[in-house]
Structures are given as C-alpha cells and as structure tokens.
C-alpha atoms as a PDB file:
ATOM      1  CA  MET A   1       3.812 -26.646   1.830  1.00  0.00           C
ATOM      2  CA  GLU A   2       6.379 -23.915   1.222  1.00  0.00           C
ATOM      3  CA  PHE A   3       5.415 -20.326   1.691  1.00  0.00           C
ATOM      4  CA  ALA A   4       7.063 -19.591  -1.853  1.00  0.00           C
ATOM      5  CA  ALA A   5       4.548 -22.257  -3.557  1.00  0.00           C
ATOM      6  CA  VAL A   6       1.565 -20.597  -1.796  1.00  0.00           C
ATOM      7  CA  ASN A   7       2.766 -17.426  -3.179  1.00  0.00           C
ATOM      8  CA  ALA A   8       3.261 -18.294  -6.674  1.00  0.00           C
ATOM      9  CA  TYR A   9      -0.091 -20.172  -6.743  1.00  0.00           C
ATOM     10  CA  LEU A  10      -1.660 -16.753  -5.525  1.00  0.00           C
ATOM     11  CA  THR A  11       0.106 -14.845  -7.996  1.00  0.00           C
ATOM     12  CA  ASN A  12      -1.325 -17.235 -10.853  1.00  0.00           C
ATOM     13  CA  LEU A  13      -4.416 -16.882  -9.755  1.00  0.00           C
ATOM     14  CA  SER A  14      -4.073 -13.122  -9.907  1.00  0.00           C
ATOM     15  CA  ALA A  15      -3.236 -12.981 -13.633  1.00  0.00           C
ATOM     16  CA  HIS A  16      -4.717  -9.604 -14.962  1.00  0.00           C
ATOM     17  CA  GLY A  17      -3.796  -9.762 -18.575  1.00  0.00           C
ATOM     18  CA  ASN A  18      -3.367  -6.013 -18.276  1.00  0.00           C
ATOM     19  CA  PRO A  19      -0.367  -4.896 -20.675  1.00  0.00           C
ATOM     20  CA  VAL A  20       0.616  -1.943 -18.544  1.00  0.00           C
ATOM     21  CA  LEU A  21       0.755  -3.391 -15.429  1.00  0.00           C
ATOM     22  CA  THR A  22       2.875  -6.320 -16.957  1.00  0.00           C
ATOM     23  CA  ALA A  23       5.338  -3.807 -18.186  1.00  0.00           C
ATOM     24  CA  MET A  24       5.258  -2.411 -14.432  1.00  0.00           C
ATOM     25  CA  GLU A  25       5.882  -6.020 -13.187  1.00  0.00           C
ATOM     26  CA  GLU A  26       8.680  -6.854 -15.523  1.00  0.00           C
ATOM     27  CA  GLU A  27      10.622  -3.245 -14.972  1.00  0.00           C
ATOM     28  CA  ALA A  28      10.275  -4.211 -10.807  1.00  0.00           C
ATOM     29  CA  ARG A  29      11.928  -7.745 -11.754  1.00  0.00           C
ATOM     30  CA  GLN A  30      14.705  -6.289 -14.052  1.00  0.00           C
ATOM     31  CA  THR A  31      15.472  -3.510 -11.735  1.00  0.00           C
ATOM     32  CA  ARG A  32      14.675  -5.211  -8.216  1.00  0.00           C
ATOM     33  CA  PHE A  33      12.427  -2.401  -7.566  1.00  0.00           C
ATOM     34  CA  PRO A  34      10.059  -3.395  -4.744  1.00  0.00           C
ATOM     35  CA  ILE A  35       6.352  -3.420  -5.741  1.00  0.00           C
ATOM     36  CA  ILE A  36       3.445  -5.067  -4.365  1.00  0.00           C
ATOM     37  CA  GLY A  37       2.895  -7.288  -7.014  1.00  0.00           C
ATOM     38  CA  PRO A  38      -0.252  -8.922  -8.621  1.00  0.00           C
ATOM     39  CA  ALA A  39      -1.716 -11.114  -5.612  1.00  0.00           C
ATOM     40  CA  ALA A  40      -1.257  -8.131  -3.206  1.00  0.00           C
ATOM     41  CA  GLY A  41      -2.402  -5.590  -5.843  1.00  0.00           C
ATOM     42  CA  GLN A  42      -5.782  -7.606  -6.590  1.00  0.00           C
ATOM     43  CA  PHE A  43      -6.301  -7.931  -2.716  1.00  0.00           C
ATOM     44  CA  CYS A  44      -5.962  -3.979  -2.421  1.00  0.00           C
ATOM     45  CA  TYR A  45      -8.577  -3.588  -5.184  1.00  0.00           C
ATOM     46  CA  LEU A  46     -10.557  -6.197  -3.749  1.00  0.00           C
ATOM     47  CA  LEU A  47     -10.628  -4.068  -0.314  1.00  0.00           C
ATOM     48  CA  ALA A  48     -11.029  -0.886  -1.881  1.00  0.00           C
ATOM     49  CA  ARG A  49     -14.213  -2.034  -3.888  1.00  0.00           C
ATOM     50  CA  SER A  50     -15.813  -3.981  -0.930  1.00  0.00           C
ATOM     51  CA  ILE A  51     -15.998  -0.658   1.297  1.00  0.00           C
ATOM     52  CA  GLY A  52     -16.717   1.622  -1.598  1.00  0.00           C
ATOM     53  CA  ALA A  53     -13.566   3.569  -1.287  1.00  0.00           C
ATOM     54  CA  ARG A  54     -13.599   6.781  -3.131  1.00  0.00           C
ATOM     55  CA  ARG A  55     -10.715   8.607  -1.135  1.00  0.00           C
ATOM     56  CA  VAL A  56      -7.372   6.753  -1.073  1.00  0.00           C
ATOM     57  CA  PHE A  57      -4.072   8.198   0.230  1.00  0.00           C
ATOM     58  CA  GLU A  58      -0.840   6.446  -0.414  1.00  0.00           C
ATOM     59  CA  MET A  59       2.191   6.724   1.462  1.00  0.00           C
ATOM     60  CA  GLY A  60       5.095   5.825  -0.468  1.00  0.00           C
ATOM     61  CA  SER A  61       3.850   5.072  -4.010  1.00  0.00           C
ATOM     62  CA  GLY A  62       6.816   3.984  -6.040  1.00  0.00           C
ATOM     63  CA  TYR A  63       6.292   4.248  -9.740  1.00  0.00           C
ATOM     64  CA  GLY A  64       2.536   4.001  -9.493  1.00  0.00           C
ATOM     65  CA  TYR A  65       1.692   0.055  -9.222  1.00  0.00           C
ATOM     66  CA  SER A  66      -0.128  -0.122  -6.355  1.00  0.00           C
ATOM     67  CA  THR A  67      -1.717   3.326  -7.293  1.00  0.00           C
ATOM     68  CA  ALA A  68      -2.876   1.513 -10.575  1.00  0.00           C
ATOM     69  CA  TRP A  69      -4.780  -1.172  -8.598  1.00  0.00           C
ATOM     70  CA  PHE A  70      -6.609   1.482  -6.292  1.00  0.00           C
ATOM     71  CA  ALA A  71      -7.320   3.996  -9.121  1.00  0.00           C
ATOM     72  CA  ARG A  72      -9.165   1.131 -10.945  1.00  0.00           C
ATOM     73  CA  ALA A  73     -11.130   0.301  -7.689  1.00  0.00           C
ATOM     74  CA  VAL A  74     -12.037   4.094  -7.166  1.00  0.00           C
ATOM     75  CA  TRP A  75     -13.231   4.850 -10.701  1.00  0.00           C
ATOM     76  CA  GLU A  76     -15.285   1.467 -10.564  1.00  0.00           C
ATOM     77  CA  ASN A  77     -16.714   3.039  -7.317  1.00  0.00           C
ATOM     78  CA  GLY A  78     -17.912   6.083  -8.965  1.00  0.00           C
ATOM     79  CA  GLY A  79     -14.812   8.344  -9.008  1.00  0.00           C
ATOM     80  CA  GLY A  80     -12.887  10.209  -6.300  1.00  0.00           C
ATOM     81  CA  VAL A  81      -8.944  10.917  -5.613  1.00  0.00           C
ATOM     82  CA  VAL A  82      -5.732   8.683  -5.217  1.00  0.00           C
ATOM     83  CA  HIS A  83      -3.005  10.394  -3.751  1.00  0.00           C
ATOM     84  CA  HIS A  84       0.276   9.188  -5.372  1.00  0.00           C
ATOM     85  CA  VAL A  85       2.923  10.462  -3.125  1.00  0.00           C
ATOM     86  CA  VAL A  86       6.480   9.759  -3.734  1.00  0.00           C
ATOM     87  CA  TRP A  87       9.539  11.449  -2.580  1.00  0.00           C
ATOM     88  CA  ASP A  88      11.436  11.445  -5.937  1.00  0.00           C
ATOM     89  CA  GLU A  89      10.442  13.479  -8.937  1.00  0.00           C
ATOM     90  CA  GLY A  90      11.770  10.559 -11.496  1.00  0.00           C
ATOM     91  CA  LEU A  91       9.436   8.041  -9.831  1.00  0.00           C
ATOM     92  CA  SER A  92       6.572  10.502  -9.979  1.00  0.00           C
ATOM     93  CA  SER A  93       7.044  11.339 -13.626  1.00  0.00           C
ATOM     94  CA  LYS A  94       7.300   7.666 -14.415  1.00  0.00           C
ATOM     95  CA  ALA A  95       4.075   6.991 -12.281  1.00  0.00           C
ATOM     96  CA  ARG A  96       2.123   9.621 -14.657  1.00  0.00           C
ATOM     97  CA  ARG A  97       3.367   8.026 -17.769  1.00  0.00           C
ATOM     98  CA  TYR A  98       2.158   4.465 -16.731  1.00  0.00           C
ATOM     99  CA  LEU A  99      -0.975   5.704 -15.288  1.00  0.00           C
ATOM    100  CA  ALA A 100      -1.703   7.601 -18.349  1.00  0.00           C
ATOM    101  CA  GLU A 101      -1.045   4.757 -20.380  1.00  0.00           C
ATOM    102  CA  ALA A 102      -3.419   2.574 -18.765  1.00  0.00           C
ATOM    103  CA  GLY A 103      -6.063   4.996 -18.560  1.00  0.00           C
ATOM    104  CA  LEU A 104      -5.906   5.183 -14.825  1.00  0.00           C
ATOM    105  CA  ASP A 105      -4.764   8.767 -14.043  1.00  0.00           C
ATOM    106  CA  SER A 106      -8.289  10.641 -13.941  1.00  0.00           C
ATOM    107  CA  ASP A 107      -8.653  10.219 -10.266  1.00  0.00           C
ATOM    108  CA  VAL A 108      -4.986  10.232  -9.522  1.00  0.00           C
ATOM    109  CA  ARG A 109      -3.376  13.178  -7.711  1.00  0.00           C
ATOM    110  CA  TYR A 110       0.416  13.363  -7.885  1.00  0.00           C
ATOM    111  CA  THR A 111       2.892  14.945  -5.104  1.00  0.00           C
ATOM    112  CA  VAL A 112       6.522  14.622  -4.750  1.00  0.00           C
ATOM    113  CA  GLY A 113       6.959  14.799  -1.180  1.00  0.00           C
ATOM    114  CA  GLU A 114       7.848  13.123   1.894  1.00  0.00           C
ATOM    115  CA  ALA A 115       4.660  11.078   2.765  1.00  0.00           C
ATOM    116  CA  VAL A 116       4.027  11.496   6.448  1.00  0.00           C
ATOM    117  CA  GLU A 117       4.372  15.294   6.133  1.00  0.00           C
ATOM    118  CA  THR A 118       2.262  15.600   2.635  1.00  0.00           C
ATOM    119  CA  LEU A 119      -0.319  13.581   4.602  1.00  0.00           C
ATOM    120  CA  ARG A 120      -0.255  15.675   7.923  1.00  0.00           C
ATOM    121  CA  HIS A 121      -0.915  18.836   5.749  1.00  0.00           C
ATOM    122  CA  THR A 122      -3.859  17.209   3.525  1.00  0.00           C
ATOM    123  CA  ASP A 123      -7.250  18.654   4.601  1.00  0.00           C
ATOM    124  CA  ASP A 124      -9.096  15.459   4.084  1.00  0.00           C
ATOM    125  CA  VAL A 125     -10.370  12.282   5.696  1.00  0.00           C
ATOM    126  CA  PHE A 126      -9.819   9.057   3.623  1.00  0.00           C
ATOM    127  CA  ASP A 127     -11.624   5.643   3.428  1.00  0.00           C
ATOM    128  CA  ILE A 128      -8.015   4.146   2.497  1.00  0.00           C
ATOM    129  CA  ILE A 129      -4.712   4.914   3.819  1.00  0.00           C
ATOM    130  CA  PHE A 130      -2.118   2.544   2.585  1.00  0.00           C
ATOM    131  CA  ASN A 131       1.377   2.606   4.281  1.00  0.00           C
ATOM    132  CA  ASP A 132       4.537   1.714   2.289  1.00  0.00           C
ATOM    133  CA  ILE A 133       7.227   3.893   3.651  1.00  0.00           C
ATOM    134  CA  ASP A 134      10.414   3.320   5.138  1.00  0.00           C
ATOM    135  CA  LYS A 135       9.945   0.767   7.851  1.00  0.00           C
ATOM    136  CA  ALA A 136      11.860   2.495  10.544  1.00  0.00           C
ATOM    137  CA  GLY A 137       9.065   5.072   9.943  1.00  0.00           C
ATOM    138  CA  TYR A 138       6.216   3.062  10.581  1.00  0.00           C
ATOM    139  CA  PRO A 139       5.470   3.635  14.206  1.00  0.00           C
ATOM    140  CA  SER A 140       5.714   7.451  14.033  1.00  0.00           C
ATOM    141  CA  SER A 141       3.615   7.407  11.002  1.00  0.00           C
ATOM    142  CA  ILE A 142       0.613   6.028  13.171  1.00  0.00           C
ATOM    143  CA  PRO A 143      -0.249   9.165  15.219  1.00  0.00           C
ATOM    144  CA  VAL A 144      -0.193  11.259  11.901  1.00  0.00           C
ATOM    145  CA  LEU A 145      -2.487   8.845   9.654  1.00  0.00           C
ATOM    146  CA  LYS A 146      -4.921   7.839  12.530  1.00  0.00           C
ATOM    147  CA  PRO A 147      -7.161  10.901  12.495  1.00  0.00           C
ATOM    148  CA  LYS A 148      -7.050  11.022   8.561  1.00  0.00           C
ATOM    149  CA  LEU A 149      -8.540   7.902   8.346  1.00  0.00           C
ATOM    150  CA  ARG A 150     -12.607   7.573   8.775  1.00  0.00           C
ATOM    151  CA  ALA A 151     -14.469   5.562  11.213  1.00  0.00           C
ATOM    152  CA  GLY A 152     -15.061   2.300   9.043  1.00  0.00           C
ATOM    153  CA  GLY A 153     -11.882   2.978   6.959  1.00  0.00           C
ATOM    154  CA  LEU A 154      -8.942   0.837   6.431  1.00  0.00           C
ATOM    155  CA  LEU A 155      -5.231   1.229   7.120  1.00  0.00           C
ATOM    156  CA  ILE A 156      -3.011  -1.421   4.924  1.00  0.00           C
ATOM    157  CA  ILE A 157       0.440  -1.483   5.573  1.00  0.00           C
ATOM    158  CA  ASP A 158       2.853  -3.631   3.519  1.00  0.00           C
ATOM    159  CA  ASN A 159       5.998  -5.812   4.243  1.00  0.00           C
ATOM    160  CA  MET A 160       4.834  -6.717   7.769  1.00  0.00           C
ATOM    161  CA  LEU A 161       6.684  -9.991   7.653  1.00  0.00           C
ATOM    162  CA  TRP A 162       9.382  -8.314   6.189  1.00  0.00           C
ATOM    163  CA  HIS A 163      11.232 -10.989   4.170  1.00  0.00           C
ATOM    164  CA  GLY A 164      11.085 -13.257   7.358  1.00  0.00           C
ATOM    165  CA  ARG A 165      13.532 -11.177   9.172  1.00  0.00           C
ATOM    166  CA  ILE A 166      10.845 -10.106  12.246  1.00  0.00           C
ATOM    167  CA  PHE A 167      11.311 -14.104  13.169  1.00  0.00           C
ATOM    168  CA  GLU A 168      15.222 -13.592  13.576  1.00  0.00           C
ATOM    169  CA  PRO A 169      15.886 -12.862  17.462  1.00  0.00           C
ATOM    170  CA  ASN A 170      19.157 -11.130  16.609  1.00  0.00           C
ATOM    171  CA  ASP A 171      17.693  -8.947  14.106  1.00  0.00           C
ATOM    172  CA  ASN A 172      17.696  -5.509  15.804  1.00  0.00           C
ATOM    173  CA  ASP A 173      17.790  -3.188  12.658  1.00  0.00           C
ATOM    174  CA  GLU A 174      15.936  -0.320  12.804  1.00  0.00           C
ATOM    175  CA  ASP A 175      13.816  -1.305   9.920  1.00  0.00           C
ATOM    176  CA  THR A 176      12.971  -4.846  11.517  1.00  0.00           C
ATOM    177  CA  GLU A 177      12.291  -3.357  14.764  1.00  0.00           C
ATOM    178  CA  GLY A 178       9.949  -0.553  13.189  1.00  0.00           C
ATOM    179  CA  VAL A 179       7.834  -3.425  11.843  1.00  0.00           C
ATOM    180  CA  ARG A 180       7.712  -5.127  14.882  1.00  0.00           C
ATOM    181  CA  LYS A 181       6.312  -2.130  16.787  1.00  0.00           C
ATOM    182  CA  VAL A 182       3.882  -0.968  14.264  1.00  0.00           C
ATOM    183  CA  THR A 183       2.429  -4.493  14.533  1.00  0.00           C
ATOM    184  CA  GLU A 184       2.391  -4.466  18.176  1.00  0.00           C
ATOM    185  CA  MET A 185       0.822  -1.066  18.484  1.00  0.00           C
ATOM    186  CA  LEU A 186      -1.976  -1.639  15.933  1.00  0.00           C
ATOM    187  CA  PHE A 187      -2.798  -4.795  17.506  1.00  0.00           C
ATOM    188  CA  ALA A 188      -3.046  -3.254  21.072  1.00  0.00           C
ATOM    189  CA  ASP A 189      -4.839  -0.183  19.741  1.00  0.00           C
ATOM    190  CA  PRO A 190      -8.916  -0.503  20.726  1.00  0.00           C
ATOM    191  CA  ASP A 191      -9.655   1.719  17.671  1.00  0.00           C
ATOM    192  CA  PHE A 192      -8.423  -0.666  15.354  1.00  0.00           C
ATOM    193  CA  ALA A 193      -9.853  -4.214  14.449  1.00  0.00           C
ATOM    194  CA  CYS A 194      -6.724  -5.893  12.568  1.00  0.00           C
ATOM    195  CA  SER A 195      -5.415  -8.997  10.695  1.00  0.00           C
ATOM    196  CA  LEU A 196      -2.126  -9.617   9.387  1.00  0.00           C
ATOM    197  CA  VAL A 197      -2.761 -11.388   5.852  1.00  0.00           C
ATOM    198  CA  PRO A 198       0.321 -13.521   4.721  1.00  0.00           C
ATOM    199  CA  ILE A 199       0.375 -12.753   1.262  1.00  0.00           C
ATOM    200  CA  ARG A 200       3.491 -11.964  -0.489  1.00  0.00           C
ATOM    201  CA  ASP A 201       5.516 -10.052   2.398  1.00  0.00           C
ATOM    202  CA  GLY A 202       2.684  -9.621   4.479  1.00  0.00           C
ATOM    203  CA  MET A 203       0.096  -7.173   4.920  1.00  0.00           C
ATOM    204  CA  ILE A 204      -1.775  -5.815   8.028  1.00  0.00           C
ATOM    205  CA  VAL A 205      -5.377  -4.631   7.433  1.00  0.00           C
ATOM    206  CA  ALA A 206      -6.731  -2.602  10.249  1.00  0.00           C
ATOM    207  CA  LEU A 207     -10.286  -1.588  10.121  1.00  0.00           C
ATOM    208  CA  LYS A 208     -10.742   1.926  12.062  1.00  0.00           C
ATOM    209  CA  VAL A 209     -13.553   1.104  14.320  1.00  0.00           C
ATOM    210  CA  ARG A 210     -14.044   4.490  15.762  1.00  0.00           C
END
C-alpha cells in the first residue's frame, strides 16, 4: 500500500468539522504554507490530553494551526498556557485572529521572536515542547530545550521523514543533515525514550524519562 493512500486514510479519519481549522487548512493548501494537517494535529491533541498537559511551548508556530490543537487539549485539561512563538509579526497577527475566532486563545501566549532564544529565556518547565523550526537548527536546539522539559514530558519534532529526502544518500543539504543528526542524537540519548511515527511527514515523539 502506498504511503499517500495511508496518509489520505488517516486524514479522513481525522475529520473535525471545525470551520476555523478548515479555513486554516484551505489557506495552507492555496499558499503552500507548511502546516501539520489534521491527522498530525489530532495526534498532537491526543498526546497532550493523554499526559494532562497544561504547559506547552511551540518552537515555530506558523499562523497557529498546531497551536489550535494544543490549546484545545490544554483547555480540556483544565487550562494553562500554550506559547505561540514565531519570528514574523504577520504570522503572529494571523494566528491571533484565527485562534480568537475559534475561541481557543484564552490559554495562548504570543511571542514574536526566534524560537530557541525565546525558550532559552523563558522561566518555566513544560509538559510538551513542539519543535518545528528550520531543520538545520534542530540539533543545536536540543541542549536548550532539554532542561526546559519536565521528566515525564514529551518532545514532539515535526518533519522527521523530510519528504523522503533522508533516504537519499547523496542529499547532503543542511536541512536534511539536521533531520538525520537530531534523530541520531535523540535515539542515542538515555534521557529519552523515542519513537518515529510515520504520520504525514513523520514525527518523533520523545518521552523524557529523567
């Protein structure tokens, strides 16, 4: 069975009927903006709900699609904070509009800035850190985010199949190498128990065990 067929099946199973999420998905389709999509969004929501997450930090939040899934989970877990962090003021403003329209902005804190440095200077420890920054920056982000994640918390990293480019032996692009290196780092780190889930473009889910 082809992966595209599996992905389409998972997307259909993740139908949500939420008009704001649908509008965000349509914008992504029209502009080719990279969002995680409904199957991966539902997966992130499930992970957040399952550990009772109330403190989430997103590194690279785009215009708030993944934020919406985390915000819903945090609200249903009793409320807390989801940090929406993106480098672009326009994306931040768009996220504010979408999340307010969806009624999901009460637990969201918005920051315009570089994600790794923002996390470095944030005085909190998180239940979930979601990492979707430039892929070349993945390896160097790990020493910063690791002490910011509580024991028993989850690190979720997107694009870990990198559209199949990680399987191309002659692809030595810095983003491809970043994806390969961070995968090796996490699977070799005794402080994490990891799995690479082949949903959409692949997500690493790493439980911080200590």
